[in-house]
Amino acid sequence: EQACQVLTATGADPGRIEPVSALCVLLYQPVTATVTGTWRGREMEWSHRFGNTCEMRRATGVLFQF
């Protein structure tokens, strides 16, 4: 439910999510976050590579908490 609220607020663009303030270790372990599917009748696809999982979570909030 929270992820749907985030997508609604950003127009289904995860790149528009406001990053949270959090400290991340400077450890380079790249991770790629990808969203594909249908949102309110339209196809969507988004992908972004982050330096590590912490950076991804900071930038995407609840979207990938599963």
PDB file of N, CA and C in Angstrom:
ATOM      1  N   GLU A   1       0.824  -1.194   0.000  1.00  0.00           N
ATOM      2  CA  GLU A   1       0.000   0.000   0.000  1.00  0.00           C
ATOM      3  C   GLU A   1       0.869   1.260   0.000  1.00  0.00           C
ATOM      4  N   GLN A   2       1.928   1.256   0.810  1.00  0.00           N
ATOM      5  CA  GLN A   2       2.801   2.437   0.870  1.00  0.00           C
ATOM      6  C   GLN A   2       3.531   2.653  -0.454  1.00  0.00           C
ATOM      7  N   ALA A   3       3.945   1.567  -1.084  1.00  0.00           N
ATOM      8  CA  ALA A   3       4.622   1.696  -2.381  1.00  0.00           C
ATOM      9  C   ALA A   3       3.680   2.290  -3.422  1.00  0.00           C
ATOM     10  N   CYS A   4       2.425   1.904  -3.380  1.00  0.00           N
ATOM     11  CA  CYS A   4       1.436   2.471  -4.305  1.00  0.00           C
ATOM     12  C   CYS A   4       1.249   3.960  -4.050  1.00  0.00           C
ATOM     13  N   GLN A   5       1.263   4.360  -2.808  1.00  0.00           N
ATOM     14  CA  GLN A   5       1.137   5.784  -2.469  1.00  0.00           C
ATOM     15  C   GLN A   5       2.332   6.570  -3.006  1.00  0.00           C
ATOM     16  N   VAL A   6       3.525   5.986  -2.895  1.00  0.00           N
ATOM     17  CA  VAL A   6       4.727   6.640  -3.418  1.00  0.00           C
ATOM     18  C   VAL A   6       4.636   6.776  -4.932  1.00  0.00           C
ATOM     19  N   LEU A   7       4.219   5.735  -5.613  1.00  0.00           N
ATOM     20  CA  LEU A   7       4.086   5.814  -7.070  1.00  0.00           C
ATOM     21  C   LEU A   7       3.035   6.834  -7.482  1.00  0.00           C
ATOM     22  N   THR A   8       1.954   6.912  -6.748  1.00  0.00           N
ATOM     23  CA  THR A   8       0.923   7.907  -7.042  1.00  0.00           C
ATOM     24  C   THR A   8       1.489   9.315  -6.890  1.00  0.00           C
ATOM     25  N   ALA A   9       2.223   9.551  -5.809  1.00  0.00           N
ATOM     26  CA  ALA A   9       2.771  10.885  -5.530  1.00  0.00           C
ATOM     27  C   ALA A   9       3.834  11.310  -6.540  1.00  0.00           C
ATOM     28  N   THR A  10       4.516  10.345  -7.153  1.00  0.00           N
ATOM     29  CA  THR A  10       5.597  10.671  -8.087  1.00  0.00           C
ATOM     30  C   THR A  10       5.199  10.500  -9.544  1.00  0.00           C
ATOM     31  N   GLY A  11       3.933  10.232  -9.799  1.00  0.00           N
ATOM     32  CA  GLY A  11       3.507  10.008 -11.170  1.00  0.00           C
ATOM     33  C   GLY A  11       4.106   8.738 -11.742  1.00  0.00           C
ATOM     34  N   ALA A  12       4.326   7.738 -10.887  1.00  0.00           N
ATOM     35  CA  ALA A  12       4.902   6.441 -11.260  1.00  0.00           C
ATOM     36  C   ALA A  12       6.329   6.579 -11.776  1.00  0.00           C
ATOM     37  N   ASP A  13       7.059   7.576 -11.272  1.00  0.00           N
ATOM     38  CA  ASP A  13       8.467   7.771 -11.647  1.00  0.00           C
ATOM     39  C   ASP A  13       9.337   7.648 -10.401  1.00  0.00           C
ATOM     40  N   PRO A  14       9.923   6.473 -10.152  1.00  0.00           N
ATOM     41  CA  PRO A  14      10.750   6.296  -8.965  1.00  0.00           C
ATOM     42  C   PRO A  14      11.914   7.276  -8.884  1.00  0.00           C
ATOM     43  N   GLY A  15      12.352   7.802  -9.991  1.00  0.00           N
ATOM     44  CA  GLY A  15      13.420   8.794  -9.994  1.00  0.00           C
ATOM     45  C   GLY A  15      13.028  10.105  -9.337  1.00  0.00           C
ATOM     46  N   ARG A  16      11.735  10.323  -9.132  1.00  0.00           N
ATOM     47  CA  ARG A  16      11.244  11.545  -8.490  1.00  0.00           C
ATOM     48  C   ARG A  16      11.024  11.385  -6.991  1.00  0.00           C
ATOM     49  N   ILE A  17      11.324  10.209  -6.441  1.00  0.00           N
ATOM     50  CA  ILE A  17      11.172  10.002  -5.001  1.00  0.00           C
ATOM     51  C   ILE A  17      12.195  10.866  -4.274  1.00  0.00           C
ATOM     52  N   GLU A  18      11.750  11.555  -3.247  1.00  0.00           N
ATOM     53  CA  GLU A  18      12.633  12.397  -2.439  1.00  0.00           C
ATOM     54  C   GLU A  18      13.487  11.497  -1.546  1.00  0.00           C
ATOM     55  N   PRO A  19      14.815  11.488  -1.728  1.00  0.00           N
ATOM     56  CA  PRO A  19      15.676  10.618  -0.918  1.00  0.00           C
ATOM     57  C   PRO A  19      15.590  10.968   0.570  1.00  0.00           C
ATOM     58  N   VAL A  20      15.655   9.940   1.399  1.00  0.00           N
ATOM     59  CA  VAL A  20      15.664  10.162   2.844  1.00  0.00           C
ATOM     60  C   VAL A  20      17.094  10.410   3.286  1.00  0.00           C
ATOM     61  N   SER A  21      17.238  11.070   4.406  1.00  0.00           N
ATOM     62  CA  SER A  21      18.555  11.327   4.968  1.00  0.00           C
ATOM     63  C   SER A  21      18.992  10.104   5.753  1.00  0.00           C
ATOM     64  N   ALA A  22      20.048   9.468   5.294  1.00  0.00           N
ATOM     65  CA  ALA A  22      20.578   8.284   5.966  1.00  0.00           C
ATOM     66  C   ALA A  22      22.063   8.152   5.639  1.00  0.00           C
ATOM     67  N   LEU A  23      22.791   7.610   6.566  1.00  0.00           N
ATOM     68  CA  LEU A  23      24.214   7.382   6.350  1.00  0.00           C
ATOM     69  C   LEU A  23      24.419   6.006   5.735  1.00  0.00           C
ATOM     70  N   CYS A  24      25.238   5.963   4.715  1.00  0.00           N
ATOM     71  CA  CYS A  24      25.563   4.697   4.067  1.00  0.00           C
ATOM     72  C   CYS A  24      27.075   4.510   4.077  1.00  0.00           C
ATOM     73  N   VAL A  25      27.497   3.278   4.219  1.00  0.00           N
ATOM     74  CA  VAL A  25      28.919   2.942   4.173  1.00  0.00           C
ATOM     75  C   VAL A  25      29.423   3.135   2.750  1.00  0.00           C
ATOM     76  N   LEU A  26      30.632   3.656   2.628  1.00  0.00           N
ATOM     77  CA  LEU A  26      31.212   3.863   1.298  1.00  0.00           C
ATOM     78  C   LEU A  26      31.815   2.557   0.793  1.00  0.00           C
ATOM     79  N   LEU A  27      30.964   1.620   0.519  1.00  0.00           N
ATOM     80  CA  LEU A  27      31.365   0.305   0.035  1.00  0.00           C
ATOM     81  C   LEU A  27      30.719   0.108  -1.330  1.00  0.00           C
ATOM     82  N   TYR A  28      31.534  -0.113  -2.337  1.00  0.00           N
ATOM     83  CA  TYR A  28      31.001  -0.253  -3.690  1.00  0.00           C
ATOM     84  C   TYR A  28      30.611  -1.699  -3.956  1.00  0.00           C
ATOM     85  N   GLN A  29      29.318  -1.949  -3.903  1.00  0.00           N
ATOM     86  CA  GLN A  29      28.720  -3.233  -4.251  1.00  0.00           C
ATOM     87  C   GLN A  29      27.482  -2.922  -5.070  1.00  0.00           C
ATOM     88  N   PRO A  30      27.651  -2.630  -6.357  1.00  0.00           N
ATOM     89  CA  PRO A  30      26.563  -2.137  -7.191  1.00  0.00           C
ATOM     90  C   PRO A  30      25.326  -3.034  -7.195  1.00  0.00           C
ATOM     91  N   VAL A  31      24.195  -2.369  -7.225  1.00  0.00           N
ATOM     92  CA  VAL A  31      22.906  -3.047  -7.295  1.00  0.00           C
ATOM     93  C   VAL A  31      22.041  -2.244  -8.265  1.00  0.00           C
ATOM     94  N   THR A  32      21.280  -2.963  -9.094  1.00  0.00           N
ATOM     95  CA  THR A  32      20.385  -2.298 -10.044  1.00  0.00           C
ATOM     96  C   THR A  32      18.943  -2.520  -9.607  1.00  0.00           C
ATOM     97  N   ALA A  33      18.224  -1.432  -9.440  1.00  0.00           N
ATOM     98  CA  ALA A  33      16.802  -1.487  -9.088  1.00  0.00           C
ATOM     99  C   ALA A  33      16.002  -1.313 -10.373  1.00  0.00           C
ATOM    100  N   THR A  34      15.026  -2.190 -10.575  1.00  0.00           N
ATOM    101  CA  THR A  34      14.229  -2.158 -11.797  1.00  0.00           C
ATOM    102  C   THR A  34      12.751  -2.287 -11.468  1.00  0.00           C
ATOM    103  N   VAL A  35      11.946  -1.457 -12.109  1.00  0.00           N
ATOM    104  CA  VAL A  35      10.493  -1.529 -11.994  1.00  0.00           C
ATOM    105  C   VAL A  35       9.944  -1.676 -13.404  1.00  0.00           C
ATOM    106  N   THR A  36       9.138  -2.709 -13.618  1.00  0.00           N
ATOM    107  CA  THR A  36       8.447  -2.870 -14.895  1.00  0.00           C
ATOM    108  C   THR A  36       7.030  -3.335 -14.612  1.00  0.00           C
ATOM    109  N   GLY A  37       6.111  -2.928 -15.453  1.00  0.00           N
ATOM    110  CA  GLY A  37       4.739  -3.368 -15.280  1.00  0.00           C
ATOM    111  C   GLY A  37       3.752  -2.370 -15.832  1.00  0.00           C
ATOM    112  N   THR A  38       2.539  -2.479 -15.352  1.00  0.00           N
ATOM    113  CA  THR A  38       1.460  -1.595 -15.781  1.00  0.00           C
ATOM    114  C   THR A  38       0.984  -0.796 -14.581  1.00  0.00           C
ATOM    115  N   TRP A  39       0.931   0.512 -14.736  1.00  0.00           N
ATOM    116  CA  TRP A  39       0.464   1.388 -13.684  1.00  0.00           C
ATOM    117  C   TRP A  39      -0.702   2.209 -14.216  1.00  0.00           C
ATOM    118  N   ARG A  40      -1.876   1.938 -13.673  1.00  0.00           N
ATOM    119  CA  ARG A  40      -3.085   2.655 -14.081  1.00  0.00           C
ATOM    120  C   ARG A  40      -3.292   2.649 -15.590  1.00  0.00           C
ATOM    121  N   GLY A  41      -3.087   1.465 -16.176  1.00  0.00           N
ATOM    122  CA  GLY A  41      -3.360   1.291 -17.596  1.00  0.00           C
ATOM    123  C   GLY A  41      -2.230   1.639 -18.536  1.00  0.00           C
ATOM    124  N   ARG A  42      -1.111   2.091 -18.028  1.00  0.00           N
ATOM    125  CA  ARG A  42      -0.004   2.405 -18.932  1.00  0.00           C
ATOM    126  C   ARG A  42       1.234   1.612 -18.534  1.00  0.00           C
ATOM    127  N   GLU A  43       1.967   1.193 -19.553  1.00  0.00           N
ATOM    128  CA  GLU A  43       3.194   0.440 -19.331  1.00  0.00           C
ATOM    129  C   GLU A  43       4.255   1.361 -18.749  1.00  0.00           C
ATOM    130  N   MET A  44       5.008   0.837 -17.802  1.00  0.00           N
ATOM    131  CA  MET A  44       6.094   1.638 -17.235  1.00  0.00           C
ATOM    132  C   MET A  44       7.336   0.775 -17.088  1.00  0.00           C
ATOM    133  N   GLU A  45       8.480   1.401 -17.197  1.00  0.00           N
ATOM    134  CA  GLU A  45       9.750   0.731 -16.998  1.00  0.00           C
ATOM    135  C   GLU A  45      10.736   1.753 -16.461  1.00  0.00           C
ATOM    136  N   TRP A  46      11.427   1.389 -15.398  1.00  0.00           N
ATOM    137  CA  TRP A  46      12.423   2.263 -14.775  1.00  0.00           C
ATOM    138  C   TRP A  46      13.545   1.394 -14.254  1.00  0.00           C
ATOM    139  N   SER A  47      14.770   1.845 -14.423  1.00  0.00           N
ATOM    140  CA  SER A  47      15.924   1.105 -13.928  1.00  0.00           C
ATOM    141  C   SER A  47      17.014   2.096 -13.550  1.00  0.00           C
ATOM    142  N   HIS A  48      17.690   1.811 -12.443  1.00  0.00           N
ATOM    143  CA  HIS A  48      18.788   2.682 -12.002  1.00  0.00           C
ATOM    144  C   HIS A  48      19.802   1.844 -11.246  1.00  0.00           C
ATOM    145  N   ARG A  49      21.068   2.120 -11.481  1.00  0.00           N
ATOM    146  CA  ARG A  49      22.142   1.411 -10.788  1.00  0.00           C
ATOM    147  C   ARG A  49      22.655   2.278  -9.642  1.00  0.00           C
ATOM    148  N   PHE A  50      22.716   1.682  -8.456  1.00  0.00           N
ATOM    149  CA  PHE A  50      23.180   2.362  -7.252  1.00  0.00           C
ATOM    150  C   PHE A  50      24.503   1.758  -6.805  1.00  0.00           C
ATOM    151  N   GLY A  51      25.273   2.498  -6.033  1.00  0.00           N
ATOM    152  CA  GLY A  51      26.564   2.028  -5.553  1.00  0.00           C
ATOM    153  C   GLY A  51      26.469   0.866  -4.580  1.00  0.00           C
ATOM    154  N   ASN A  52      25.377   0.812  -3.834  1.00  0.00           N
ATOM    155  CA  ASN A  52      25.143  -0.303  -2.912  1.00  0.00           C
ATOM    156  C   ASN A  52      23.671  -0.299  -2.493  1.00  0.00           C
ATOM    157  N   THR A  53      23.284  -1.315  -1.755  1.00  0.00           N
ATOM    158  CA  THR A  53      21.881  -1.459  -1.349  1.00  0.00           C
ATOM    159  C   THR A  53      21.416  -0.301  -0.477  1.00  0.00           C
ATOM    160  N   CYS A  54      22.283   0.183   0.407  1.00  0.00           N
ATOM    161  CA  CYS A  54      21.907   1.302   1.275  1.00  0.00           C
ATOM    162  C   CYS A  54      21.537   2.533   0.444  1.00  0.00           C
ATOM    163  N   GLU A  55      22.342   2.835  -0.560  1.00  0.00           N
ATOM    164  CA  GLU A  55      22.045   3.977  -1.424  1.00  0.00           C
ATOM    165  C   GLU A  55      20.714   3.783  -2.150  1.00  0.00           C
ATOM    166  N   MET A  56      20.435   2.548  -2.579  1.00  0.00           N
ATOM    167  CA  MET A  56      19.164   2.267  -3.246  1.00  0.00           C
ATOM    168  C   MET A  56      18.002   2.510  -2.296  1.00  0.00           C
ATOM    169  N   ARG A  57      18.098   1.993  -1.083  1.00  0.00           N
ATOM    170  CA  ARG A  57      17.010   2.168  -0.112  1.00  0.00           C
ATOM    171  C   ARG A  57      16.807   3.626   0.254  1.00  0.00           C
ATOM    172  N   ARG A  58      17.908   4.363   0.364  1.00  0.00           N
ATOM    173  CA  ARG A  58      17.809   5.790   0.683  1.00  0.00           C
ATOM    174  C   ARG A  58      17.083   6.534  -0.442  1.00  0.00           C
ATOM    175  N   ALA A  59      17.346   6.155  -1.683  1.00  0.00           N
ATOM    176  CA  ALA A  59      16.777   6.860  -2.829  1.00  0.00           C
ATOM    177  C   ALA A  59      15.366   6.417  -3.195  1.00  0.00           C
ATOM    178  N   THR A  60      14.999   5.183  -2.836  1.00  0.00           N
ATOM    179  CA  THR A  60      13.698   4.660  -3.286  1.00  0.00           C
ATOM    180  C   THR A  60      12.691   4.433  -2.167  1.00  0.00           C
ATOM    181  N   GLY A  61      13.075   4.687  -0.928  1.00  0.00           N
ATOM    182  CA  GLY A  61      12.135   4.557   0.196  1.00  0.00           C
ATOM    183  C   GLY A  61      11.533   3.178   0.300  1.00  0.00           C
ATOM    184  N   VAL A  62      10.223   3.110   0.409  1.00  0.00           N
ATOM    185  CA  VAL A  62       9.522   1.837   0.630  1.00  0.00           C
ATOM    186  C   VAL A  62       9.336   1.035  -0.654  1.00  0.00           C
ATOM    187  N   LEU A  63       9.681   1.602  -1.780  1.00  0.00           N
ATOM    188  CA  LEU A  63       9.376   0.957  -3.054  1.00  0.00           C
ATOM    189  C   LEU A  63       9.958  -0.454  -3.183  1.00  0.00           C
ATOM    190  N   PHE A  64      11.147  -0.679  -2.648  1.00  0.00           N
ATOM    191  CA  PHE A  64      11.776  -1.996  -2.767  1.00  0.00           C
ATOM    192  C   PHE A  64      11.889  -2.708  -1.422  1.00  0.00           C
ATOM    193  N   GLN A  65      11.057  -2.382  -0.488  1.00  0.00           N
ATOM    194  CA  GLN A  65      11.063  -3.068   0.821  1.00  0.00           C
ATOM    195  C   GLN A  65      10.109  -4.241   0.782  1.00  0.00           C
ATOM    196  N   PHE A  66      10.580  -5.344   0.287  1.00  0.00           N
ATOM    197  CA  PHE A  66       9.766  -6.579   0.246  1.00  0.00           C
ATOM    198  C   PHE A  66      10.658  -7.763   0.467  1.00  0.00           C
TER     199      PHE A  66
END
